[in-house]
Amino acid sequence: MLFLRCPYCHKLVLRLFYSSHTAKHTLLRPDGQQVEYSTLPPTDRYEGSLDGVPQLYRHPKCGVVTRMPEDIIRSYLVNPFLYGAGSFCCGCGEHLPENDLFWCETGQNMAEYTAELRNDYIRKYGAPPRSND
């Protein structure tokens, strides 16, 4: 494959420049977050209502509530395997394991919620999605 699609800006990038291109998206801002996070292309994201979908999570150790960006929520609702096992805490200024975070709306542990989404996906489609890399 001569070109690869960037999971951050969704542009086609010549394979030769792919690593340096994606590295720019993952640079850290002063607050510890990446400049950008991977998402599905806008046309592939979940388009329904987010009513009832948790969007705020709390890290009990620091007590700070962080809002999950909508483009990330709409991406993981389509593909719950898209992200690893952690999320950023605005209070601690670092990425933490999902086991350490709890949804404010439901009180559910983020890791349990992600596991449910992944199990539902496998029940529906039979297997996790294949990587495009």
Protein backbone atom coordinates (compact mmCIF):
# COMPACT_ATOMS: atom_id res chain seq x y z
CA MET A 1 0.00 0.00 0.00
CA LEU A 2 1.53 3.29 -1.12
CA PHE A 3 -0.73 5.50 1.03
CA LEU A 4 -2.11 5.02 4.54
CA ARG A 5 -5.04 6.86 6.08
CA CYS A 6 -4.10 8.89 9.15
CA PRO A 7 -6.31 7.91 12.14
CA TYR A 8 -6.12 11.49 13.44
CA CYS A 9 -6.83 13.80 10.48
CA HIS A 10 -8.07 11.04 8.14
CA LYS A 11 -5.95 12.24 5.22
CA LEU A 12 -4.13 9.84 2.94
CA VAL A 13 -0.41 9.99 3.70
CA LEU A 14 2.41 8.53 1.67
CA ARG A 15 3.71 5.49 3.58
CA LEU A 16 7.22 6.95 3.57
CA PHE A 17 6.03 9.94 5.64
CA TYR A 18 3.37 8.19 7.72
CA SER A 19 5.38 7.84 10.96
CA SER A 20 6.51 11.45 11.02
CA HIS A 21 3.01 12.63 10.05
CA THR A 22 1.24 10.72 12.85
CA ALA A 23 3.93 11.68 15.37
CA LYS A 24 2.85 15.32 15.00
CA HIS A 25 -0.68 14.40 16.08
CA THR A 26 0.52 12.66 19.24
CA LEU A 27 2.73 15.44 20.58
CA LEU A 28 1.82 16.34 24.15
CA ARG A 29 0.26 19.67 25.04
CA PRO A 30 1.36 21.48 28.22
CA ASP A 31 -1.59 19.90 30.11
CA GLY A 32 -0.38 16.37 29.24
CA GLN A 33 -2.98 15.54 26.60
CA GLN A 34 -2.04 14.66 23.06
CA VAL A 35 -2.57 17.33 20.41
CA GLU A 36 -5.10 14.96 18.81
CA TYR A 37 -6.48 11.49 19.43
CA SER A 38 -7.40 8.93 16.82
CA THR A 39 -11.05 8.74 15.82
CA LEU A 40 -13.08 7.20 13.06
CA PRO A 41 -13.65 9.46 10.06
CA PRO A 42 -16.68 11.70 10.65
CA THR A 43 -18.80 9.75 8.14
CA ASP A 44 -18.14 6.47 10.03
CA ARG A 45 -18.95 7.70 13.54
CA TYR A 46 -22.12 6.91 15.45
CA GLU A 47 -24.80 9.35 14.31
CA GLY A 48 -27.59 8.68 16.81
CA SER A 49 -28.53 10.46 20.00
CA LEU A 50 -26.06 10.36 22.88
CA ASP A 51 -28.89 10.42 25.41
CA GLY A 52 -28.06 7.83 28.04
CA VAL A 53 -24.44 7.48 26.88
CA PRO A 54 -22.02 8.37 29.67
CA GLN A 55 -19.80 11.34 28.84
CA LEU A 56 -18.29 12.47 32.16
CA TYR A 57 -15.91 10.37 34.21
CA ARG A 58 -14.37 10.86 37.61
CA HIS A 59 -11.04 9.79 38.98
CA PRO A 60 -11.69 9.11 42.69
CA LYS A 61 -8.04 9.62 43.67
CA CYS A 62 -7.99 13.30 42.61
CA GLY A 63 -11.77 13.85 42.54
CA VAL A 64 -11.71 15.65 39.18
CA VAL A 65 -14.38 15.06 36.52
CA THR A 66 -13.26 14.88 32.88
CA ARG A 67 -15.54 15.12 29.83
CA MET A 68 -14.95 12.60 27.06
CA PRO A 69 -14.79 14.39 23.67
CA GLU A 70 -17.86 13.72 21.53
CA ASP A 71 -15.85 12.61 18.49
CA ILE A 72 -14.18 9.93 20.62
CA ILE A 73 -17.53 8.79 22.08
CA ARG A 74 -19.06 8.56 18.61
CA SER A 75 -16.02 6.60 17.42
CA TYR A 76 -15.91 4.02 20.22
CA LEU A 77 -19.67 3.46 20.02
CA VAL A 78 -19.06 2.15 16.49
CA ASN A 79 -15.76 0.42 17.30
CA PRO A 80 -15.18 -0.25 21.01
CA PHE A 81 -11.79 -1.79 20.15
CA LEU A 82 -10.45 1.48 18.75
CA TYR A 83 -8.89 2.63 22.01
CA GLY A 84 -6.59 1.03 24.54
CA ALA A 85 -7.35 0.54 28.19
CA GLY A 86 -7.01 4.08 29.47
CA SER A 87 -8.19 7.66 29.32
CA PHE A 88 -6.88 11.09 30.25
CA CYS A 89 -7.54 12.56 33.69
CA CYS A 90 -7.69 16.37 33.67
CA GLY A 91 -6.96 16.43 37.40
CA CYS A 92 -3.80 14.33 37.33
CA GLY A 93 -2.70 15.50 33.88
CA GLU A 94 -1.96 12.00 32.68
CA HIS A 95 -3.48 8.96 31.01
CA LEU A 96 -4.80 6.46 33.54
CA PRO A 97 -6.10 2.89 33.31
CA GLU A 98 -9.85 2.57 32.73
CA ASN A 99 -10.07 0.62 35.99
CA ASP A 100 -9.27 3.86 37.86
CA LEU A 101 -12.10 5.87 36.24
CA PHE A 102 -15.86 5.87 36.87
CA TRP A 103 -18.69 7.29 34.77
CA CYS A 104 -20.49 10.09 36.63
CA GLU A 105 -23.85 9.35 35.01
CA THR A 106 -23.95 5.66 36.00
CA GLY A 107 -21.22 5.12 38.60
CA GLN A 108 -19.95 2.24 36.45
CA ASN A 109 -16.25 1.57 36.13
CA MET A 110 -15.02 2.61 32.67
CA ALA A 111 -13.27 -0.75 32.11
CA GLU A 112 -16.51 -2.65 32.78
CA TYR A 113 -18.42 -0.38 30.41
CA THR A 114 -15.82 -0.88 27.66
CA ALA A 115 -15.91 -4.65 28.19
CA GLU A 116 -19.70 -4.62 27.78
CA LEU A 117 -19.44 -2.64 24.54
CA ARG A 118 -16.77 -5.03 23.22
CA ASN A 119 -18.81 -8.11 24.17
CA ASP A 120 -21.88 -6.64 22.45
CA TYR A 121 -19.78 -5.99 19.33
CA ILE A 122 -18.49 -9.57 19.25
CA ARG A 123 -22.02 -10.96 19.76
CA LYS A 124 -23.21 -8.84 16.85
CA TYR A 125 -20.29 -9.27 14.42
CA GLY A 126 -18.56 -12.45 15.62
CA ALA A 127 -15.09 -10.95 16.08
CA PRO A 128 -13.28 -7.67 16.72
CA PRO A 129 -12.76 -5.49 13.64
CA ARG A 130 -9.56 -6.04 11.70
CA SER A 131 -6.94 -3.33 11.79
CA ASN A 132 -6.45 -1.29 8.62
CA ASP A 133 -2.68 -1.05 9.14
